[in-house]
Amino acid sequence: MTVMYALLALALGVGAGLTVIVIEEVRWEARRRLPRCPTCGEHHHRHAAHR
């Protein structure tokens, strides 16, 4: 039974680690993406001049 608990703990640890990696990857992608402008609706850098 101890081996079963050890394997369960290992699986939970690996699952938590993979979850953290996926969340960080999604956050990094969101930071890299150009935001949609609330004024014109186009994708460009924040503080871009509207001409």
PDB file of N, CA and C in Angstrom:
ATOM      1  N   MET A   1       0.819  -1.194   0.000  1.00  0.00           N
ATOM      2  CA  MET A   1       0.000   0.000   0.000  1.00  0.00           C
ATOM      3  C   MET A   1       0.863   1.259   0.000  1.00  0.00           C
ATOM      4  N   THR A   2       2.030   1.193   0.631  1.00  0.00           N
ATOM      5  CA  THR A   2       2.925   2.348   0.673  1.00  0.00           C
ATOM      6  C   THR A   2       3.420   2.711  -0.722  1.00  0.00           C
ATOM      7  N   VAL A   3       3.693   1.691  -1.534  1.00  0.00           N
ATOM      8  CA  VAL A   3       4.137   1.933  -2.902  1.00  0.00           C
ATOM      9  C   VAL A   3       3.040   2.645  -3.685  1.00  0.00           C
ATOM     10  N   MET A   4       1.806   2.259  -3.461  1.00  0.00           N
ATOM     11  CA  MET A   4       0.680   2.886  -4.147  1.00  0.00           C
ATOM     12  C   MET A   4       0.569   4.363  -3.764  1.00  0.00           C
ATOM     13  N   TYR A   5       0.741   4.686  -2.491  1.00  0.00           N
ATOM     14  CA  TYR A   5       0.702   6.080  -2.041  1.00  0.00           C
ATOM     15  C   TYR A   5       1.868   6.870  -2.625  1.00  0.00           C
ATOM     16  N   ALA A   6       3.040   6.249  -2.721  1.00  0.00           N
ATOM     17  CA  ALA A   6       4.201   6.919  -3.298  1.00  0.00           C
ATOM     18  C   ALA A   6       3.959   7.230  -4.780  1.00  0.00           C
ATOM     19  N   LEU A   7       3.397   6.281  -5.505  1.00  0.00           N
ATOM     20  CA  LEU A   7       3.094   6.509  -6.917  1.00  0.00           C
ATOM     21  C   LEU A   7       2.016   7.581  -7.092  1.00  0.00           C
ATOM     22  N   LEU A   8       1.036   7.581  -6.214  1.00  0.00           N
ATOM     23  CA  LEU A   8      -0.001   8.608  -6.263  1.00  0.00           C
ATOM     24  C   LEU A   8       0.591   9.984  -6.000  1.00  0.00           C
ATOM     25  N   ALA A   9       1.451  10.088  -5.009  1.00  0.00           N
ATOM     26  CA  ALA A   9       2.099  11.369  -4.698  1.00  0.00           C
ATOM     27  C   ALA A   9       2.973  11.823  -5.863  1.00  0.00           C
ATOM     28  N   LEU A  10       3.679  10.908  -6.482  1.00  0.00           N
ATOM     29  CA  LEU A  10       4.516  11.246  -7.632  1.00  0.00           C
ATOM     30  C   LEU A  10       3.655  11.739  -8.790  1.00  0.00           C
ATOM     31  N   ALA A  11       2.560  11.058  -9.049  1.00  0.00           N
ATOM     32  CA  ALA A  11       1.668  11.463 -10.138  1.00  0.00           C
ATOM     33  C   ALA A  11       1.068  12.844  -9.872  1.00  0.00           C
ATOM     34  N   LEU A  12       0.690  13.103  -8.633  1.00  0.00           N
ATOM     35  CA  LEU A  12       0.145  14.423  -8.301  1.00  0.00           C
ATOM     36  C   LEU A  12       1.207  15.513  -8.456  1.00  0.00           C
ATOM     37  N   GLY A  13       2.433  15.210  -8.068  1.00  0.00           N
ATOM     38  CA  GLY A  13       3.522  16.173  -8.220  1.00  0.00           C
ATOM     39  C   GLY A  13       3.813  16.480  -9.676  1.00  0.00           C
ATOM     40  N   VAL A  14       3.845  15.450 -10.499  1.00  0.00           N
ATOM     41  CA  VAL A  14       4.079  15.645 -11.934  1.00  0.00           C
ATOM     42  C   VAL A  14       2.928  16.426 -12.556  1.00  0.00           C
ATOM     43  N   GLY A  15       1.708  16.108 -12.184  1.00  0.00           N
ATOM     44  CA  GLY A  15       0.544  16.829 -12.704  1.00  0.00           C
ATOM     45  C   GLY A  15       0.568  18.300 -12.319  1.00  0.00           C
ATOM     46  N   ALA A  16       0.939  18.583 -11.078  1.00  0.00           N
ATOM     47  CA  ALA A  16       1.022  19.982 -10.633  1.00  0.00           C
ATOM     48  C   ALA A  16       2.130  20.717 -11.381  1.00  0.00           C
ATOM     49  N   GLY A  17       3.254  20.055 -11.587  1.00  0.00           N
ATOM     50  CA  GLY A  17       4.350  20.679 -12.329  1.00  0.00           C
ATOM     51  C   GLY A  17       3.969  20.984 -13.762  1.00  0.00           C
ATOM     52  N   LEU A  18       3.311  20.055 -14.426  1.00  0.00           N
ATOM     53  CA  LEU A  18       2.872  20.293 -15.799  1.00  0.00           C
ATOM     54  C   LEU A  18       1.831  21.409 -15.873  1.00  0.00           C
ATOM     55  N   THR A  19       0.969  21.483 -14.874  1.00  0.00           N
ATOM     56  CA  THR A  19      -0.028  22.556 -14.839  1.00  0.00           C
ATOM     57  C   THR A  19       0.646  23.917 -14.744  1.00  0.00           C
ATOM     58  N   VAL A  20       1.657  24.020 -13.900  1.00  0.00           N
ATOM     59  CA  VAL A  20       2.389  25.288 -13.760  1.00  0.00           C
ATOM     60  C   VAL A  20       3.067  25.656 -15.069  1.00  0.00           C
ATOM     61  N   ILE A  21       3.668  24.681 -15.743  1.00  0.00           N
ATOM     62  CA  ILE A  21       4.344  24.958 -17.012  1.00  0.00           C
ATOM     63  C   ILE A  21       3.347  25.446 -18.060  1.00  0.00           C
ATOM     64  N   VAL A  22       2.195  24.815 -18.138  1.00  0.00           N
ATOM     65  CA  VAL A  22       1.184  25.215 -19.127  1.00  0.00           C
ATOM     66  C   VAL A  22       0.655  26.613 -18.829  1.00  0.00           C
ATOM     67  N   ILE A  23       0.401  26.909 -17.571  1.00  0.00           N
ATOM     68  CA  ILE A  23      -0.104  28.240 -17.201  1.00  0.00           C
ATOM     69  C   ILE A  23       0.922  29.313 -17.540  1.00  0.00           C
ATOM     70  N   GLU A  24       2.193  29.074 -17.255  1.00  0.00           N
ATOM     71  CA  GLU A  24       3.234  30.048 -17.585  1.00  0.00           C
ATOM     72  C   GLU A  24       3.343  30.243 -19.094  1.00  0.00           C
ATOM     73  N   GLU A  25       3.201  29.184 -19.862  1.00  0.00           N
ATOM     74  CA  GLU A  25       3.266  29.293 -21.321  1.00  0.00           C
ATOM     75  C   GLU A  25       2.104  30.135 -21.852  1.00  0.00           C
ATOM     76  N   VAL A  26       0.918  29.924 -21.319  1.00  0.00           N
ATOM     77  CA  VAL A  26      -0.252  30.699 -21.753  1.00  0.00           C
ATOM     78  C   VAL A  26      -0.081  32.172 -21.376  1.00  0.00           C
ATOM     79  N   ARG A  27       0.419  32.435 -20.179  1.00  0.00           N
ATOM     80  CA  ARG A  27       0.639  33.823 -19.767  1.00  0.00           C
ATOM     81  C   ARG A  27       1.682  34.500 -20.645  1.00  0.00           C
ATOM     82  N   TRP A  28       2.752  33.768 -21.009  1.00  0.00           N
ATOM     83  CA  TRP A  28       3.803  34.331 -21.850  1.00  0.00           C
ATOM     84  C   TRP A  28       3.259  34.667 -23.234  1.00  0.00           C
ATOM     85  N   GLU A  29       2.449  33.769 -23.792  1.00  0.00           N
ATOM     86  CA  GLU A  29       1.840  34.026 -25.101  1.00  0.00           C
ATOM     87  C   GLU A  29       0.925  35.245 -25.050  1.00  0.00           C
ATOM     88  N   ALA A  30       0.180  35.400 -23.974  1.00  0.00           N
ATOM     89  CA  ALA A  30      -0.729  36.543 -23.848  1.00  0.00           C
ATOM     90  C   ALA A  30       0.049  37.850 -23.759  1.00  0.00           C
ATOM     91  N   ARG A  31       1.205  37.831 -23.113  1.00  0.00           N
ATOM     92  CA  ARG A  31       2.014  39.050 -23.018  1.00  0.00           C
ATOM     93  C   ARG A  31       2.628  39.414 -24.360  1.00  0.00           C
ATOM     94  N   ARG A  32       2.979  38.417 -25.174  1.00  0.00           N
ATOM     95  CA  ARG A  32       3.604  38.675 -26.463  1.00  0.00           C
ATOM     96  C   ARG A  32       2.609  39.180 -27.500  1.00  0.00           C
ATOM     97  N   ARG A  33       1.358  38.795 -27.374  1.00  0.00           N
ATOM     98  CA  ARG A  33       0.346  39.137 -28.372  1.00  0.00           C
ATOM     99  C   ARG A  33       0.080  40.645 -28.351  1.00  0.00           C
ATOM    100  N   LEU A  34      -0.100  41.224 -29.524  1.00  0.00           N
ATOM    101  CA  LEU A  34      -0.447  42.638 -29.592  1.00  0.00           C
ATOM    102  C   LEU A  34      -1.891  42.823 -29.127  1.00  0.00           C
ATOM    103  N   PRO A  35      -2.129  43.814 -28.295  1.00  0.00           N
ATOM    104  CA  PRO A  35      -3.488  44.030 -27.799  1.00  0.00           C
ATOM    105  C   PRO A  35      -4.397  44.661 -28.857  1.00  0.00           C
ATOM    106  N   ARG A  36      -5.685  44.414 -28.719  1.00  0.00           N
ATOM    107  CA  ARG A  36      -6.670  45.026 -29.623  1.00  0.00           C
ATOM    108  C   ARG A  36      -6.974  46.421 -29.082  1.00  0.00           C
ATOM    109  N   CYS A  37      -6.918  47.383 -29.961  1.00  0.00           N
ATOM    110  CA  CYS A  37      -7.136  48.784 -29.584  1.00  0.00           C
ATOM    111  C   CYS A  37      -8.616  49.025 -29.298  1.00  0.00           C
ATOM    112  N   PRO A  38      -8.957  49.653 -28.160  1.00  0.00           N
ATOM    113  CA  PRO A  38     -10.360  49.949 -27.875  1.00  0.00           C
ATOM    114  C   PRO A  38     -10.912  51.072 -28.749  1.00  0.00           C
ATOM    115  N   THR A  39     -10.029  51.873 -29.359  1.00  0.00           N
ATOM    116  CA  THR A  39     -10.474  52.997 -30.179  1.00  0.00           C
ATOM    117  C   THR A  39     -10.841  52.566 -31.597  1.00  0.00           C
ATOM    118  N   CYS A  40      -9.914  51.849 -32.245  1.00  0.00           N
ATOM    119  CA  CYS A  40     -10.144  51.501 -33.648  1.00  0.00           C
ATOM    120  C   CYS A  40     -10.384  50.010 -33.869  1.00  0.00           C
ATOM    121  N   GLY A  41     -10.084  49.172 -32.897  1.00  0.00           N
ATOM    122  CA  GLY A  41     -10.320  47.747 -33.027  1.00  0.00           C
ATOM    123  C   GLY A  41      -9.207  46.976 -33.712  1.00  0.00           C
ATOM    124  N   GLU A  42      -8.154  47.653 -34.139  1.00  0.00           N
ATOM    125  CA  GLU A  42      -7.031  46.993 -34.796  1.00  0.00           C
ATOM    126  C   GLU A  42      -6.038  46.483 -33.751  1.00  0.00           C
ATOM    127  N   HIS A  43      -5.147  45.607 -34.185  1.00  0.00           N
ATOM    128  CA  HIS A  43      -4.092  45.103 -33.303  1.00  0.00           C
ATOM    129  C   HIS A  43      -2.838  45.942 -33.530  1.00  0.00           C
ATOM    130  N   HIS A  44      -2.424  46.696 -32.531  1.00  0.00           N
ATOM    131  CA  HIS A  44      -1.167  47.426 -32.607  1.00  0.00           C
ATOM    132  C   HIS A  44      -0.669  47.699 -31.196  1.00  0.00           C
ATOM    133  N   HIS A  45       0.537  48.217 -31.104  1.00  0.00           N
ATOM    134  CA  HIS A  45       1.141  48.454 -29.792  1.00  0.00           C
ATOM    135  C   HIS A  45       0.330  49.459 -28.992  1.00  0.00           C
ATOM    136  N   ARG A  46       0.475  49.387 -27.674  1.00  0.00           N
ATOM    137  CA  ARG A  46      -0.290  50.237 -26.759  1.00  0.00           C
ATOM    138  C   ARG A  46      -0.017  51.693 -27.062  1.00  0.00           C
ATOM    139  N   HIS A  47      -0.146  52.685 -26.901  1.00  0.00           N
ATOM    140  CA  HIS A  47       0.252  54.059 -27.136  1.00  0.00           C
ATOM    141  C   HIS A  47       0.583  54.356 -28.590  1.00  0.00           C
ATOM    142  N   ALA A  48       0.042  53.642 -29.540  1.00  0.00           N
ATOM    143  CA  ALA A  48       0.285  53.948 -30.951  1.00  0.00           C
ATOM    144  C   ALA A  48      -0.538  55.174 -31.336  1.00  0.00           C
ATOM    145  N   ALA A  49       0.043  55.995 -32.208  1.00  0.00           N
ATOM    146  CA  ALA A  49      -0.655  57.210 -32.637  1.00  0.00           C
ATOM    147  C   ALA A  49      -1.760  56.836 -33.623  1.00  0.00           C
ATOM    148  N   HIS A  50      -2.930  57.403 -33.441  1.00  0.00           N
ATOM    149  CA  HIS A  50      -4.049  57.180 -34.378  1.00  0.00           C
ATOM    150  C   HIS A  50      -4.088  58.337 -35.326  1.00  0.00           C
ATOM    151  N   ARG A  51      -3.819  58.042 -36.602  1.00  0.00           N
ATOM    152  CA  ARG A  51      -3.802  59.128 -37.591  1.00  0.00           C
ATOM    153  C   ARG A  51      -4.827  58.879 -38.648  1.00  0.00           C
TER     154      ARG A  51
END
